[in-house]
Amino acid sequence: MDIVVYSKPQCVQCTATVKALQTKGIKHSVVDLTQDDSAMKAVQSMGYRQAPVVVAGSHHWSGFRPDMIDQIC
C-alpha cells in the first residue's frame, strides 16, 4: 500500500505523523503542500483544510492520528 503524507513546513502535527510512521517502520512519502499546487488542489478536493493529510490506500485522514497509524501497521 502506498502511503503519502501531505504536509507543510514547521507543522507540529505533520512532524509527529512522519515520526510515528518512521518509528513503526512504515514506508511512506512526504509531499510539501506549499511546493506542489496539484497536491494542494487534490487535498482540498477531498475536503481537507489542514495538514497533515495522510492517504493510505483508500483510507485518508487529517491531523496526527496515532489510532489510524496503528490500523495501517
C-alpha atoms as a PDB file:
ATOM      1  CA  MET A   1       0.000   0.000   0.000  1.00  0.00           C
ATOM      2  CA  ASP A   2       1.274   3.452  -0.889  1.00  0.00           C
ATOM      3  CA  ILE A   3       1.192   5.923   1.984  1.00  0.00           C
ATOM      4  CA  VAL A   4       1.554   9.632   1.336  1.00  0.00           C
ATOM      5  CA  VAL A   5       1.766  12.357   3.966  1.00  0.00           C
ATOM      6  CA  TYR A   6       0.802  15.757   2.619  1.00  0.00           C
ATOM      7  CA  SER A   7       2.455  18.262   4.923  1.00  0.00           C
ATOM      8  CA  LYS A   8       3.558  21.850   5.409  1.00  0.00           C
ATOM      9  CA  PRO A   9       6.845  23.202   6.793  1.00  0.00           C
ATOM     10  CA  GLN A  10       7.031  23.731  10.556  1.00  0.00           C
ATOM     11  CA  CYS A  11       3.773  21.843  11.122  1.00  0.00           C
ATOM     12  CA  VAL A  12       3.908  20.118  14.515  1.00  0.00           C
ATOM     13  CA  GLN A  13       1.224  17.558  13.641  1.00  0.00           C
ATOM     14  CA  CYS A  14       2.968  16.826  10.333  1.00  0.00           C
ATOM     15  CA  THR A  15       6.268  16.172  12.103  1.00  0.00           C
ATOM     16  CA  ALA A  16       4.575  13.942  14.692  1.00  0.00           C
ATOM     17  CA  THR A  17       2.850  11.939  11.944  1.00  0.00           C
ATOM     18  CA  VAL A  18       6.057  11.362   9.992  1.00  0.00           C
ATOM     19  CA  LYS A  19       7.963  10.394  13.156  1.00  0.00           C
ATOM     20  CA  ALA A  20       5.232   7.923  14.149  1.00  0.00           C
ATOM     21  CA  LEU A  21       5.344   6.297  10.713  1.00  0.00           C
ATOM     22  CA  GLN A  22       9.138   6.099  10.842  1.00  0.00           C
ATOM     23  CA  THR A  23       9.095   4.646  14.369  1.00  0.00           C
ATOM     24  CA  LYS A  24       6.734   1.904  13.245  1.00  0.00           C
ATOM     25  CA  GLY A  25       8.826   1.216  10.148  1.00  0.00           C
ATOM     26  CA  ILE A  26       6.013   2.148   7.763  1.00  0.00           C
ATOM     27  CA  LYS A  27       7.267   3.192   4.342  1.00  0.00           C
ATOM     28  CA  HIS A  28       5.790   6.471   3.186  1.00  0.00           C
ATOM     29  CA  SER A  29       6.462   9.525   1.092  1.00  0.00           C
ATOM     30  CA  VAL A  30       6.053  13.154   2.091  1.00  0.00           C
ATOM     31  CA  VAL A  31       4.691  15.860  -0.209  1.00  0.00           C
ATOM     32  CA  ASP A  32       5.115  19.511   0.750  1.00  0.00           C
ATOM     33  CA  LEU A  33       1.804  21.215   0.027  1.00  0.00           C
ATOM     34  CA  THR A  34       3.498  24.627  -0.176  1.00  0.00           C
ATOM     35  CA  GLN A  35       5.636  23.400  -3.082  1.00  0.00           C
ATOM     36  CA  ASP A  36       3.096  21.348  -5.053  1.00  0.00           C
ATOM     37  CA  ASP A  37      -0.024  23.144  -6.301  1.00  0.00           C
ATOM     38  CA  SER A  38      -1.595  19.994  -7.756  1.00  0.00           C
ATOM     39  CA  ALA A  39      -1.200  18.186  -4.435  1.00  0.00           C
ATOM     40  CA  MET A  40      -2.798  21.137  -2.634  1.00  0.00           C
ATOM     41  CA  LYS A  41      -5.751  21.060  -5.028  1.00  0.00           C
ATOM     42  CA  ALA A  42      -6.101  17.279  -4.602  1.00  0.00           C
ATOM     43  CA  VAL A  43      -6.136  17.571  -0.798  1.00  0.00           C
ATOM     44  CA  GLN A  44      -8.664  20.410  -0.932  1.00  0.00           C
ATOM     45  CA  SER A  45     -10.868  18.401  -3.306  1.00  0.00           C
ATOM     46  CA  MET A  46     -11.015  15.671  -0.635  1.00  0.00           C
ATOM     47  CA  GLY A  47     -12.434  18.317   1.720  1.00  0.00           C
ATOM     48  CA  TYR A  48      -9.360  18.909   3.870  1.00  0.00           C
ATOM     49  CA  ARG A  49      -8.252  22.348   5.017  1.00  0.00           C
ATOM     50  CA  GLN A  50      -5.433  21.497   7.451  1.00  0.00           C
ATOM     51  CA  ALA A  51      -2.246  19.465   7.335  1.00  0.00           C
ATOM     52  CA  PRO A  52      -1.173  16.802   7.551  1.00  0.00           C
ATOM     53  CA  VAL A  53      -3.382  14.758   5.296  1.00  0.00           C
ATOM     54  CA  VAL A  54      -2.442  11.097   5.163  1.00  0.00           C
ATOM     55  CA  VAL A  55      -3.565   8.921   2.258  1.00  0.00           C
ATOM     56  CA  ALA A  56      -3.106   5.193   2.824  1.00  0.00           C
ATOM     57  CA  GLY A  57      -4.640   3.223   0.008  1.00  0.00           C
ATOM     58  CA  SER A  58      -8.366   4.010   0.007  1.00  0.00           C
ATOM     59  CA  HIS A  59      -8.239   5.497   3.528  1.00  0.00           C
ATOM     60  CA  HIS A  60      -7.376   9.093   4.338  1.00  0.00           C
ATOM     61  CA  TRP A  61      -7.468  11.410   7.317  1.00  0.00           C
ATOM     62  CA  SER A  62      -6.231  14.744   8.568  1.00  0.00           C
ATOM     63  CA  GLY A  63      -4.183  15.582  11.644  1.00  0.00           C
ATOM     64  CA  PHE A  64      -1.948  13.497  13.876  1.00  0.00           C
ATOM     65  CA  ARG A  65      -3.929  10.282  14.332  1.00  0.00           C
ATOM     66  CA  PRO A  66      -1.952   7.543  16.130  1.00  0.00           C
ATOM     67  CA  ASP A  67      -5.080   5.387  16.093  1.00  0.00           C
ATOM     68  CA  MET A  68      -5.218   5.467  12.300  1.00  0.00           C
ATOM     69  CA  ILE A  69      -1.471   4.864  12.011  1.00  0.00           C
ATOM     70  CA  ASP A  70      -1.877   1.772  14.194  1.00  0.00           C
ATOM     71  CA  GLN A  71      -4.589   0.486  11.832  1.00  0.00           C
ATOM     72  CA  ILE A  72      -2.274   0.558   8.813  1.00  0.00           C
ATOM     73  CA  CYS A  73       0.556  -1.321  10.551  1.00  0.00           C
END
